[in-house]
């Protein structure tokens, strides 16, 4: 059976102090997903571009690989 997922790369922004994640605040207030791209190279380039574009604005950009389930998440029933 063909696998029903592929790796994607999520580009996201953390507003404010990226070192101190405020535990009592909702992370949705300071973490924003900007886009999802196919390759790590695209993600690296976009992070560099966004960091340069928004330098000095108190935000940092990052990326993380994640699985995208092309046919929906598989059942955990086995």
C-alpha atoms as a PDB file:
ATOM      1  CA  UNK A   1       0.000   0.000   0.000  1.00  0.00           C
ATOM      2  CA  UNK A   2       1.289   3.469  -0.877  1.00  0.00           C
ATOM      3  CA  UNK A   3       1.934   5.771   2.031  1.00  0.00           C
ATOM      4  CA  UNK A   4      -0.770   8.366   2.531  1.00  0.00           C
ATOM      5  CA  UNK A   5       1.465  11.121   3.913  1.00  0.00           C
ATOM      6  CA  UNK A   6       4.379  13.296   2.903  1.00  0.00           C
ATOM      7  CA  UNK A   7       6.708  15.635   4.716  1.00  0.00           C
ATOM      8  CA  UNK A   8       5.973  19.345   4.459  1.00  0.00           C
ATOM      9  CA  UNK A   9       7.764  22.305   6.034  1.00  0.00           C
ATOM     10  CA  UNK A  10       5.836  24.760   8.178  1.00  0.00           C
ATOM     11  CA  UNK A  11       7.214  28.320   8.304  1.00  0.00           C
ATOM     12  CA  UNK A  12       6.140  30.133  11.464  1.00  0.00           C
ATOM     13  CA  UNK A  13       6.738  33.350  13.394  1.00  0.00           C
ATOM     14  CA  UNK A  14       7.226  33.847  17.116  1.00  0.00           C
ATOM     15  CA  UNK A  15       6.399  37.373  18.235  1.00  0.00           C
ATOM     16  CA  UNK A  16       8.245  39.033  21.082  1.00  0.00           C
ATOM     17  CA  UNK A  17      10.891  37.302  23.135  1.00  0.00           C
ATOM     18  CA  UNK A  18      11.418  33.898  21.495  1.00  0.00           C
ATOM     19  CA  UNK A  19      13.543  32.683  24.411  1.00  0.00           C
ATOM     20  CA  UNK A  20      10.926  33.121  27.107  1.00  0.00           C
ATOM     21  CA  UNK A  21       7.743  31.376  26.023  1.00  0.00           C
ATOM     22  CA  UNK A  22       5.149  32.755  28.351  1.00  0.00           C
ATOM     23  CA  UNK A  23       3.656  29.692  30.001  1.00  0.00           C
ATOM     24  CA  UNK A  24       0.432  31.282  31.186  1.00  0.00           C
ATOM     25  CA  UNK A  25      -0.464  32.848  27.853  1.00  0.00           C
ATOM     26  CA  UNK A  26      -2.201  31.181  24.942  1.00  0.00           C
ATOM     27  CA  UNK A  27       0.556  30.412  22.366  1.00  0.00           C
ATOM     28  CA  UNK A  28      -1.913  31.383  19.620  1.00  0.00           C
ATOM     29  CA  UNK A  29      -1.334  34.964  20.741  1.00  0.00           C
ATOM     30  CA  UNK A  30       2.349  34.961  19.776  1.00  0.00           C
ATOM     31  CA  UNK A  31       2.944  32.039  17.379  1.00  0.00           C
ATOM     32  CA  UNK A  32       1.699  32.381  13.796  1.00  0.00           C
ATOM     33  CA  UNK A  33       1.958  29.862  10.971  1.00  0.00           C
ATOM     34  CA  UNK A  34       2.916  31.879   7.903  1.00  0.00           C
ATOM     35  CA  UNK A  35       2.921  29.187   5.231  1.00  0.00           C
ATOM     36  CA  UNK A  36       3.621  25.567   4.359  1.00  0.00           C
ATOM     37  CA  UNK A  37       6.111  24.676   1.628  1.00  0.00           C
ATOM     38  CA  UNK A  38       7.211  21.430   0.002  1.00  0.00           C
ATOM     39  CA  UNK A  39      10.969  21.457   0.517  1.00  0.00           C
ATOM     40  CA  UNK A  40      13.381  22.275   3.298  1.00  0.00           C
ATOM     41  CA  UNK A  41      15.305  24.510   0.888  1.00  0.00           C
ATOM     42  CA  UNK A  42      12.169  26.601   0.279  1.00  0.00           C
ATOM     43  CA  UNK A  43      11.576  26.845   4.026  1.00  0.00           C
ATOM     44  CA  UNK A  44      15.158  27.925   4.761  1.00  0.00           C
ATOM     45  CA  UNK A  45      15.013  30.574   2.033  1.00  0.00           C
ATOM     46  CA  UNK A  46      11.665  31.903   3.246  1.00  0.00           C
ATOM     47  CA  UNK A  47      12.833  32.088   6.868  1.00  0.00           C
ATOM     48  CA  UNK A  48      15.920  34.062   5.782  1.00  0.00           C
ATOM     49  CA  UNK A  49      13.796  36.374   3.609  1.00  0.00           C
ATOM     50  CA  UNK A  50      11.232  37.049   6.348  1.00  0.00           C
ATOM     51  CA  UNK A  51      13.899  37.578   9.021  1.00  0.00           C
ATOM     52  CA  UNK A  52      15.647  40.145   6.795  1.00  0.00           C
ATOM     53  CA  UNK A  53      12.396  41.845   5.805  1.00  0.00           C
ATOM     54  CA  UNK A  54      11.190  42.168   9.398  1.00  0.00           C
ATOM     55  CA  UNK A  55      14.502  42.738  11.189  1.00  0.00           C
ATOM     56  CA  UNK A  56      14.062  44.877  14.279  1.00  0.00           C
ATOM     57  CA  UNK A  57      10.315  44.276  14.598  1.00  0.00           C
ATOM     58  CA  UNK A  58      10.588  41.891  17.553  1.00  0.00           C
ATOM     59  CA  UNK A  59       9.708  38.678  15.736  1.00  0.00           C
ATOM     60  CA  UNK A  60      11.733  35.678  14.560  1.00  0.00           C
ATOM     61  CA  UNK A  61      10.915  33.150  11.857  1.00  0.00           C
ATOM     62  CA  UNK A  62      11.537  29.392  11.989  1.00  0.00           C
ATOM     63  CA  UNK A  63      10.484  26.234  10.183  1.00  0.00           C
ATOM     64  CA  UNK A  64       9.632  22.715  11.264  1.00  0.00           C
ATOM     65  CA  UNK A  65       9.026  19.567   9.231  1.00  0.00           C
ATOM     66  CA  UNK A  66       5.682  17.865   9.702  1.00  0.00           C
ATOM     67  CA  UNK A  67       3.721  15.024   8.154  1.00  0.00           C
ATOM     68  CA  UNK A  68       0.819  15.953   5.911  1.00  0.00           C
ATOM     69  CA  UNK A  69      -1.710  13.135   5.659  1.00  0.00           C
ATOM     70  CA  UNK A  70      -2.922  13.363   2.057  1.00  0.00           C
ATOM     71  CA  UNK A  71      -5.983  11.159   2.635  1.00  0.00           C
ATOM     72  CA  UNK A  72      -6.772  12.246   6.178  1.00  0.00           C
ATOM     73  CA  UNK A  73      -5.268  10.941   9.361  1.00  0.00           C
ATOM     74  CA  UNK A  74      -5.214   7.134   9.541  1.00  0.00           C
ATOM     75  CA  UNK A  75      -7.450   5.386  12.031  1.00  0.00           C
ATOM     76  CA  UNK A  76      -5.805   4.414  15.302  1.00  0.00           C
ATOM     77  CA  UNK A  77      -7.906   1.226  15.395  1.00  0.00           C
ATOM     78  CA  UNK A  78      -5.073  -0.750  14.001  1.00  0.00           C
END
